[in-house]
Amino acid sequence: MVLKNFVEELQWRGMIHDVMPDTEQHLMEQMRAAYVGFDPTADSLHIGNLVPIMLLAHYQRSGHKPIALVGGATGMIGDPSGKSNERNLLDEKTLRHNQECVKNQLAQFLDFTSSATNEAVMVNNYDWMKEFSFLEFIRDIGKHITVNYMMAKDSVKSRLTGDGEGMSFTEFTYQMVQGYDFLHLYREYNCTLEMGGSDQWGNITTGTELVRRIGKGKGYALTCPLITKSDGSKFGKSEGGNIWLSAERTSPYKFYQYWMNTSDEDAEKYIKIFTFLDKETIEALVETHKEAPHQRLLQKRLAEEVTVTVHDKDALEKAIKASNMLFGKSTSEDLKSLDSETFLAVFEGVPQAEVAMSEIENGLDIIGAMAEKTGFLKSNGEARRALKENAISVNKEKVKEGYSVSKSDLINNQFVLLQRGKKSYFILKVV
């Protein structure tokens, strides 16, 4: 495979924070192996992990060999970087399960199976760290890094001088364990580069020191910026918490909507970082968007590209269809094509009332459904007036007085969507 200039690719995308001197030249000489570490403390990655994932993906597309390291051992310790308190530790069974889930998600971005020379590899640092005794580690590794060197790291200093509970010896040793990962991968895979977020620079450079002092080699480091939003709020969070890559944790609809709701300024930045679109395509998109920003072309393309990559085309089509439920024209059939999770995600926060299945089977009069049985409208009189004004819909279809809600109206045999006007919704949950 012809090598592409990886560093140059990251630079125009705004994905470099720090890079060691001569890294670009080193990568242009021949295929190199590089690694990024991932925290296995959950059974899914979230969009905060997308930047390091994209680093590995661009790295492989540039002709190099990516190594995804799952921190089974370091996950048992906890990285102090950017945190004020110690994390909960996980058992090995949970870590192994999480590792498999993470690999499945990374396979959406990386080629693990083609047998190409730059095929991606996944490793777990627990596999080599579990063989170490404490005495061996402090004798063979610990003596090469001074406490002065470790204390000088920003991630350590911030914990020792901050308002938290300080730092345990366990967490203090984290950078040594991560540093040893680099040395191990250098020896086993001829891995010469570690990449990560800018908060990892101290841990990564400890690794380059161990490669130099023990491995008698040269290690390189590259970090990407920590992504922020233009309004100052935290990237990757919504009102419901993290935006996960797992469809079970965050529905593709919610995932799609997160990207659709980005500001113009953020969309222009994110489309470079989170998609594989080339420079010319992105520049043309940005110019077209500026001519008609109200059409939100940049956000639409960003949301489409990321949703397809993380999920698939089918999930994107469902997310777009679900979005049209609120913001475009849709039919009763469109509604009934949604699965229950997507339906509830689309209409999250919409008030609900429960009615018995027997009432639906017998036919529930629309006036009772709108008022007495649910409290959606204040009175039967108000319901009649709204019906005369042609303002009432059942599952997006206009209905008249005398209509009865029946089993044929059920969405997933469980829900009926009532609506007054364009924006006032109510859900009948049939039990």
Protein backbone atom coordinates (compact mmCIF):
# COMPACT_ATOMS: atom_id res chain seq x y z
CA MET A 1 0.00 0.00 0.00
CA VAL A 2 1.23 3.48 -0.89
CA LEU A 3 1.76 5.55 2.25
CA LYS A 4 -0.19 8.78 2.64
CA ASN A 5 0.94 11.66 4.79
CA PHE A 6 -0.92 10.92 8.02
CA VAL A 7 0.27 14.00 9.92
CA GLU A 8 -0.67 16.30 7.04
CA GLU A 9 -4.14 14.69 6.91
CA LEU A 10 -4.67 15.35 10.63
CA GLN A 11 -3.40 18.92 10.42
CA TRP A 12 -6.01 20.18 7.93
CA ARG A 13 -8.69 18.37 9.92
CA GLY A 14 -7.66 20.19 13.13
CA MET A 15 -6.83 16.91 14.87
CA ILE A 16 -3.32 17.59 16.20
CA HIS A 17 -2.61 19.11 19.59
CA ASP A 18 0.97 17.95 20.22
CA VAL A 19 3.32 15.86 18.12
CA MET A 20 6.91 14.86 18.79
CA PRO A 21 9.56 16.20 16.39
CA ASP A 22 10.32 13.99 13.37
CA THR A 23 7.08 11.97 13.72
CA GLU A 24 5.93 12.93 10.21
CA GLN A 25 9.24 11.89 8.64
CA HIS A 26 9.25 8.63 10.65
CA LEU A 27 5.79 7.70 9.33
CA MET A 28 6.66 8.48 5.70
CA GLU A 29 9.65 6.11 5.67
CA GLN A 30 7.68 2.83 5.85
CA MET A 31 4.58 1.21 7.36
CA ARG A 32 4.61 1.74 11.12
CA ALA A 33 2.50 0.36 13.96
CA ALA A 34 0.80 2.77 16.37
CA TYR A 35 -1.61 2.28 19.23
CA VAL A 36 -4.39 4.03 21.09
CA GLY A 37 -5.71 2.90 24.46
CA PHE A 38 -9.40 2.55 25.25
CA ASP A 39 -11.01 2.42 28.67
CA PRO A 40 -13.03 -0.81 29.05
CA THR A 41 -15.08 0.32 32.06
CA ALA A 42 -18.35 0.16 30.03
CA ASP A 43 -19.71 -2.23 27.40
CA SER A 44 -19.84 0.61 24.90
CA LEU A 45 -17.67 3.49 23.79
CA HIS A 46 -19.27 6.94 23.51
CA ILE A 47 -18.76 9.82 21.10
CA GLY A 48 -16.06 11.24 23.37
CA ASN A 49 -14.02 8.24 22.14
CA LEU A 50 -14.63 9.04 18.48
CA VAL A 51 -11.58 11.28 18.07
CA PRO A 52 -9.02 8.61 19.07
CA ILE A 53 -11.01 6.08 17.00
CA MET A 54 -10.76 8.40 13.99
CA LEU A 55 -7.02 8.75 14.63
CA LEU A 56 -6.64 4.98 14.24
CA ALA A 57 -8.97 4.87 11.23
CA HIS A 58 -7.04 7.61 9.38
CA TYR A 59 -3.82 5.89 10.40
CA GLN A 60 -4.90 2.64 8.73
CA ARG A 61 -6.20 4.49 5.67
CA SER A 62 -2.75 6.12 5.40
CA GLY A 63 -1.20 2.66 5.02
CA HIS A 64 -0.10 2.04 8.61
CA LYS A 65 -0.97 -0.65 11.17
CA PRO A 66 -3.34 0.37 13.98
CA ILE A 67 -3.34 -1.33 17.37
CA ALA A 68 -6.38 -0.86 19.62
CA LEU A 69 -5.37 -1.49 23.20
CA VAL A 70 -8.10 -2.26 25.71
CA GLY A 71 -6.87 -1.31 29.15
CA GLY A 72 -7.91 -4.39 31.09
CA ALA A 73 -5.07 -3.87 33.57
CA THR A 74 -5.13 -0.08 33.62
CA GLY A 75 -8.93 -0.28 33.85
CA MET A 76 -8.42 -2.05 37.17
CA ILE A 77 -6.36 0.92 38.39
CA GLY A 78 -7.91 4.07 36.98
CA ASP A 79 -6.28 6.90 35.06
CA PRO A 80 -5.95 10.06 37.19
CA SER A 81 -5.86 12.34 34.11
CA GLY A 82 -8.63 14.90 34.22
CA LYS A 83 -10.35 13.30 37.21
CA SER A 84 -10.71 14.42 40.78
CA ASN A 85 -11.62 11.10 42.36
CA GLU A 86 -10.65 7.46 42.07
CA ARG A 87 -12.82 5.22 39.89
CA ASN A 88 -14.51 1.96 40.73
CA LEU A 89 -12.46 -1.10 39.79
CA LEU A 90 -13.86 -3.92 37.63
CA ASP A 91 -13.45 -7.69 37.75
CA GLU A 92 -11.85 -9.65 34.90
CA LYS A 93 -15.10 -11.21 33.61
CA THR A 94 -16.72 -7.80 33.19
CA LEU A 95 -13.60 -6.40 31.52
CA ARG A 96 -13.50 -9.30 29.00
CA HIS A 97 -17.17 -8.76 28.12
CA ASN A 98 -16.58 -5.05 27.65
CA GLN A 99 -13.54 -5.76 25.47
CA GLU A 100 -15.62 -7.81 23.02
CA CYS A 101 -18.27 -5.09 22.84
CA VAL A 102 -15.61 -2.43 22.20
CA LYS A 103 -14.00 -4.51 19.44
CA ASN A 104 -17.34 -4.88 17.66
CA GLN A 105 -17.74 -1.11 17.69
CA LEU A 106 -14.18 -0.47 16.50
CA ALA A 107 -14.77 -2.91 13.62
CA GLN A 108 -17.13 -0.30 12.15
CA PHE A 109 -14.04 1.90 11.61
CA LEU A 110 -11.09 -0.48 11.39
CA ASP A 111 -10.26 -3.53 9.28
CA PHE A 112 -9.50 -6.44 11.62
CA THR A 113 -10.10 -9.26 9.13
CA SER A 114 -8.58 -8.68 5.67
CA SER A 115 -5.16 -10.24 6.39
CA ALA A 116 -3.57 -7.15 4.87
CA THR A 117 -0.15 -6.23 6.24
CA ASN A 118 -1.72 -3.24 7.99
CA GLU A 119 -4.67 -5.19 9.42
CA ALA A 120 -5.78 -3.79 12.77
CA VAL A 121 -4.99 -5.68 15.96
CA MET A 122 -6.74 -5.57 19.34
CA VAL A 123 -4.76 -6.31 22.49
CA ASN A 124 -5.55 -6.24 26.21
CA ASN A 125 -2.79 -5.09 28.55
CA TYR A 126 -4.13 -7.40 31.25
CA ASP A 127 -2.71 -10.29 29.20
CA TRP A 128 0.87 -9.21 29.89
CA MET A 129 0.48 -7.27 33.13
CA LYS A 130 -1.10 -10.24 34.98
CA GLU A 131 2.21 -12.13 34.68
CA PHE A 132 4.14 -9.43 36.53
CA SER A 133 4.76 -9.72 40.24
CA PHE A 134 4.91 -6.46 42.17
CA LEU A 135 8.59 -7.03 43.00
CA GLU A 136 9.48 -7.73 39.37
CA PHE A 137 7.75 -4.58 38.19
CA ILE A 138 9.40 -2.21 40.66
CA ARG A 139 12.78 -3.88 40.10
CA ASP A 140 12.76 -4.16 36.29
CA ILE A 141 10.63 -1.15 35.31
CA GLY A 142 10.23 1.16 38.28
CA LYS A 143 13.93 1.89 38.70
CA HIS A 144 14.10 3.51 35.26
CA ILE A 145 11.66 6.36 36.04
CA THR A 146 12.28 8.77 38.93
CA VAL A 147 9.59 10.01 41.29
CA ASN A 148 10.65 13.55 40.34
CA TYR A 149 9.80 12.79 36.70
CA MET A 150 6.39 11.35 37.65
CA MET A 151 5.56 14.22 40.02
CA ALA A 152 6.21 16.75 37.27
CA LYS A 153 3.28 15.47 35.18
CA ASP A 154 0.30 17.83 35.07
CA SER A 155 -2.15 14.97 35.70
CA VAL A 156 -0.36 14.18 38.96
CA LYS A 157 0.20 17.77 40.09
CA SER A 158 -3.45 18.71 39.57
CA ARG A 159 -4.58 15.84 41.80
CA LEU A 160 -2.05 16.58 44.54
CA THR A 161 -2.83 20.30 44.69
CA GLY A 162 -6.59 20.14 44.00
CA ASP A 163 -9.58 19.98 46.32
CA GLY A 164 -10.19 16.23 45.92
CA GLU A 165 -9.02 13.44 48.17
CA GLY A 166 -5.53 13.39 46.68
CA MET A 167 -4.18 10.38 44.83
CA SER A 168 -3.65 6.81 45.94
CA PHE A 169 -0.42 4.97 45.22
CA THR A 170 -2.47 2.79 42.85
CA GLU A 171 -3.33 5.73 40.63
CA PHE A 172 0.13 7.26 41.00
CA THR A 173 1.56 4.15 39.31
CA TYR A 174 -0.84 4.46 36.36
CA GLN A 175 1.60 6.27 34.10
CA MET A 176 4.21 3.56 34.76
CA VAL A 177 1.80 0.81 33.73
CA GLN A 178 0.69 2.72 30.62
CA GLY A 179 4.34 3.45 29.85
CA TYR A 180 5.12 -0.26 30.04
CA ASP A 181 2.34 -0.93 27.50
CA PHE A 182 4.26 1.14 24.96
CA LEU A 183 7.47 -0.76 25.74
CA HIS A 184 5.69 -4.12 25.42
CA LEU A 185 4.09 -3.19 22.08
CA TYR A 186 7.42 -1.82 20.85
CA ARG A 187 9.02 -5.18 21.57
CA GLU A 188 6.18 -7.40 20.31
CA TYR A 189 4.80 -5.41 17.35
CA ASN A 190 7.62 -2.95 16.60
CA CYS A 191 5.08 -0.27 17.61
CA THR A 192 6.77 3.14 17.53
CA LEU A 193 3.90 5.59 18.06
CA GLU A 194 1.28 6.12 20.75
CA MET A 195 -1.66 8.43 20.16
CA GLY A 196 -4.39 9.78 22.41
CA GLY A 197 -6.15 12.86 23.74
CA SER A 198 -4.12 15.88 24.83
CA ASP A 199 -4.71 14.94 28.49
CA GLN A 200 -2.66 11.77 27.83
CA TRP A 201 0.57 13.55 26.81
CA GLY A 202 2.23 12.92 30.17
CA ASN A 203 1.37 9.22 30.18
CA ILE A 204 2.44 8.79 26.56
CA THR A 205 5.81 10.48 27.03
CA THR A 206 6.49 8.22 30.01
CA GLY A 207 6.11 5.38 27.52
CA THR A 208 8.59 6.96 25.10
CA GLU A 209 11.05 7.23 28.00
CA LEU A 210 10.74 3.51 28.78
CA VAL A 211 11.18 2.66 25.08
CA ARG A 212 14.36 4.77 25.10
CA ARG A 213 15.79 3.66 28.45
CA ILE A 214 14.87 -0.04 28.46
CA GLY A 215 14.09 -0.84 24.81
CA LYS A 216 17.01 1.23 23.50
CA GLY A 217 14.70 2.48 20.76
CA LYS A 218 12.82 5.60 19.70
CA GLY A 219 9.16 6.10 20.49
CA TYR A 220 6.97 8.88 19.16
CA ALA A 221 3.88 10.63 20.56
CA LEU A 222 0.92 12.40 18.97
CA THR A 223 -2.13 13.82 20.71
CA CYS A 224 -5.38 15.32 19.47
CA PRO A 225 -7.25 18.25 21.04
CA LEU A 226 -10.00 17.59 23.55
CA ILE A 227 -13.18 18.51 21.68
CA THR A 228 -15.29 21.35 23.03
CA LYS A 229 -18.54 22.97 21.93
CA SER A 230 -18.68 26.59 20.85
CA ASP A 231 -21.15 27.47 23.63
CA GLY A 232 -18.78 26.15 26.28
CA SER A 233 -20.85 23.06 27.16
CA LYS A 234 -19.26 19.62 27.18
CA PHE A 235 -19.03 17.73 23.90
CA GLY A 236 -20.58 14.27 23.88
CA LYS A 237 -23.21 14.95 26.53
CA SER A 238 -26.94 15.49 26.24
CA GLU A 239 -29.62 16.04 28.85
CA GLY A 240 -29.73 12.27 29.27
CA GLY A 241 -25.96 11.90 29.75
CA ASN A 242 -23.40 10.37 27.40
CA ILE A 243 -24.15 9.81 23.71
CA TRP A 244 -23.10 6.16 23.33
CA LEU A 245 -22.09 4.27 20.19
CA SER A 246 -24.27 1.33 21.28
CA ALA A 247 -27.80 1.40 19.86
CA GLU A 248 -29.01 -0.20 23.11
CA ARG A 249 -27.70 2.72 25.16
CA THR A 250 -28.43 5.56 22.72
CA SER A 251 -30.95 4.98 19.94
CA PRO A 252 -29.76 5.76 16.37
CA TYR A 253 -32.50 8.41 16.28
CA LYS A 254 -31.09 10.21 19.34
CA PHE A 255 -27.58 9.73 17.99
CA TYR A 256 -28.59 11.29 14.66
CA GLN A 257 -30.39 14.16 16.38
CA TYR A 258 -27.31 14.98 18.47
CA TRP A 259 -25.34 15.79 15.31
CA MET A 260 -28.32 17.52 13.66
CA ASN A 261 -28.56 19.88 16.62
CA THR A 262 -24.96 21.14 16.44
CA SER A 263 -24.35 24.82 15.82
CA ASP A 264 -23.05 26.05 12.45
CA GLU A 265 -19.66 26.77 14.00
CA ASP A 266 -19.38 23.31 15.56
CA ALA A 267 -20.69 21.51 12.46
CA GLU A 268 -17.93 23.10 10.36
CA LYS A 269 -15.34 21.81 12.84
CA TYR A 270 -16.92 18.41 13.48
CA ILE A 271 -17.37 17.44 9.82
CA LYS A 272 -13.57 17.54 9.45
CA ILE A 273 -12.95 15.51 12.59
CA PHE A 274 -15.72 12.92 12.58
CA THR A 275 -16.13 12.04 8.88
CA PHE A 276 -13.89 10.64 6.15
CA LEU A 277 -15.01 13.24 3.60
CA ASP A 278 -12.08 14.77 1.72
CA LYS A 279 -10.96 18.39 1.95
CA GLU A 280 -12.52 19.52 -1.35
CA THR A 281 -15.91 17.98 -0.51
CA ILE A 282 -15.95 19.58 2.94
CA GLU A 283 -14.91 23.01 1.65
CA ALA A 284 -17.68 22.88 -0.99
CA LEU A 285 -20.22 21.84 1.68
CA VAL A 286 -19.19 24.70 3.95
CA GLU A 287 -19.57 27.24 1.13
CA THR A 288 -22.99 25.87 0.12
CA HIS A 289 -24.10 25.91 3.76
CA LYS A 290 -23.10 29.57 4.17
CA GLU A 291 -25.30 30.53 1.22
CA ALA A 292 -28.39 28.99 2.86
CA PRO A 293 -27.63 28.24 6.54
CA HIS A 294 -31.33 27.77 7.34
CA GLN A 295 -31.30 24.54 5.30
CA ARG A 296 -28.69 23.10 7.71
CA LEU A 297 -26.95 21.15 4.92
CA LEU A 298 -23.75 20.88 6.94
CA GLN A 299 -25.53 19.39 9.95
CA LYS A 300 -27.49 16.96 7.74
CA ARG A 301 -24.38 15.66 5.99
CA LEU A 302 -22.49 15.41 9.29
CA ALA A 303 -25.35 13.49 10.94
CA GLU A 304 -25.71 11.18 7.94
CA GLU A 305 -22.00 10.35 7.67
CA VAL A 306 -21.45 9.66 11.37
CA THR A 307 -24.68 7.67 11.81
CA VAL A 308 -23.87 5.40 8.84
CA THR A 309 -20.32 4.82 10.07
CA VAL A 310 -21.27 4.06 13.69
CA HIS A 311 -24.48 2.15 12.87
CA ASP A 312 -25.43 1.49 9.21
CA LYS A 313 -27.55 2.82 6.34
CA ASP A 314 -30.67 1.11 7.63
CA ALA A 315 -30.30 2.82 11.01
CA LEU A 316 -29.82 6.17 9.25
CA GLU A 317 -32.97 5.72 7.18
CA LYS A 318 -34.95 4.88 10.31
CA ALA A 319 -33.50 7.91 12.11
CA ILE A 320 -34.44 10.22 9.24
CA LYS A 321 -37.93 8.71 9.08
CA ALA A 322 -38.28 9.15 12.84
CA SER A 323 -37.13 12.78 12.58
CA ASN A 324 -39.84 13.43 10.01
CA MET A 325 -42.42 12.35 12.58
CA LEU A 326 -41.90 15.61 14.40
CA PHE A 327 -40.50 17.93 11.76
CA GLY A 328 -42.00 16.78 8.48
CA LYS A 329 -44.96 15.06 6.86
CA SER A 330 -45.53 11.49 7.95
CA THR A 331 -48.35 8.98 7.89
CA SER A 332 -49.90 6.44 10.20
CA GLU A 333 -47.98 3.73 8.31
CA ASP A 334 -44.70 5.57 8.92
CA LEU A 335 -45.46 5.66 12.64
CA LYS A 336 -46.29 1.97 12.75
CA SER A 337 -42.98 1.12 11.08
CA LEU A 338 -41.06 2.43 14.12
CA ASP A 339 -39.94 0.00 16.79
CA SER A 340 -41.00 0.79 20.36
CA GLU A 341 -37.60 2.17 21.43
CA THR A 342 -37.42 4.59 18.51
CA PHE A 343 -41.06 5.62 18.97
CA LEU A 344 -40.45 6.46 22.63
CA ALA A 345 -37.17 8.22 21.78
CA VAL A 346 -38.92 10.41 19.19
CA PHE A 347 -41.71 11.32 21.58
CA GLU A 348 -39.59 11.51 24.72
CA GLY A 349 -41.16 13.83 27.28
CA VAL A 350 -44.63 13.62 25.69
CA PRO A 351 -47.24 13.02 28.43
CA GLN A 352 -48.78 9.56 28.63
CA ALA A 353 -51.82 7.86 30.11
CA GLU A 354 -52.61 4.16 30.40
CA VAL A 355 -55.82 2.58 29.17
CA ALA A 356 -56.86 -1.07 29.34
CA MET A 357 -56.60 -3.24 26.23
CA SER A 358 -60.26 -4.22 26.74
CA GLU A 359 -61.33 -0.61 26.16
CA ILE A 360 -59.42 -0.49 22.88
CA GLU A 361 -60.82 -3.85 21.80
CA ASN A 362 -64.35 -2.54 22.39
CA GLY A 363 -63.54 0.76 20.66
CA LEU A 364 -62.60 3.83 22.71
CA ASP A 365 -64.61 6.90 21.72
CA ILE A 366 -62.27 9.70 20.58
CA ILE A 367 -63.82 12.22 22.97
CA GLY A 368 -63.18 9.95 25.94
CA ALA A 369 -59.67 9.25 24.63
CA MET A 370 -58.93 12.99 24.43
CA ALA A 371 -60.48 14.08 27.71
CA GLU A 372 -62.11 11.86 30.35
CA LYS A 373 -59.82 8.81 30.03
CA THR A 374 -56.55 10.70 29.68
CA GLY A 375 -56.81 14.33 30.70
CA PHE A 376 -55.06 15.35 27.46
CA LEU A 377 -57.79 17.97 27.02
CA LYS A 378 -59.57 19.52 29.99
CA SER A 379 -63.15 18.55 29.12
CA ASN A 380 -65.35 16.68 26.68
CA GLY A 381 -66.56 20.07 25.44
CA GLU A 382 -63.04 21.15 24.57
CA ALA A 383 -62.50 17.83 22.78
CA ARG A 384 -65.68 18.35 20.70
CA ARG A 385 -64.63 21.90 19.74
CA ALA A 386 -61.18 20.69 18.69
CA LEU A 387 -62.75 17.92 16.59
CA LYS A 388 -65.07 20.42 14.86
CA GLU A 389 -62.01 22.59 14.11
CA ASN A 390 -60.42 19.54 12.43
CA ALA A 391 -57.52 19.86 14.88
CA ILE A 392 -57.39 16.27 16.21
CA SER A 393 -55.25 13.47 14.76
CA VAL A 394 -54.80 9.82 15.70
CA ASN A 395 -51.42 8.51 14.58
CA LYS A 396 -50.96 11.57 12.35
CA GLU A 397 -54.31 11.06 10.58
CA LYS A 398 -57.11 13.62 11.03
CA VAL A 399 -60.27 12.24 12.67
CA LYS A 400 -63.82 13.49 13.20
CA GLU A 401 -66.30 13.23 16.09
CA GLY A 402 -67.64 9.69 16.33
CA TYR A 403 -64.25 8.09 15.65
CA SER A 404 -63.30 5.17 17.91
CA VAL A 405 -59.72 4.22 18.75
CA SER A 406 -59.36 0.47 18.05
CA LYS A 407 -56.73 -2.27 17.92
CA SER A 408 -55.95 -1.35 14.30
CA ASP A 409 -54.59 1.97 15.60
CA LEU A 410 -52.00 0.36 17.88
CA ILE A 411 -48.32 1.04 17.23
CA ASN A 412 -46.32 -2.05 18.14
CA ASN A 413 -49.51 -3.38 19.79
CA GLN A 414 -48.91 -0.90 22.60
CA PHE A 415 -49.20 2.81 21.74
CA VAL A 416 -51.56 5.30 20.12
CA LEU A 417 -50.39 8.82 19.29
CA LEU A 418 -52.97 11.54 19.86
CA GLN A 419 -52.37 15.05 18.58
CA ARG A 420 -54.01 18.46 18.75
CA GLY A 421 -52.79 20.95 16.19
CA LYS A 422 -49.20 20.69 14.99
CA LYS A 423 -47.21 20.48 18.21
CA SER A 424 -49.38 19.16 21.03
CA TYR A 425 -48.90 15.40 21.46
CA PHE A 426 -50.17 12.76 23.87
CA ILE A 427 -49.48 9.01 24.05
CA LEU A 428 -52.03 6.36 24.97
CA LYS A 429 -50.19 3.40 26.45
CA VAL A 430 -52.36 0.31 26.22
CA VAL A 431 -51.87 -2.22 29.03
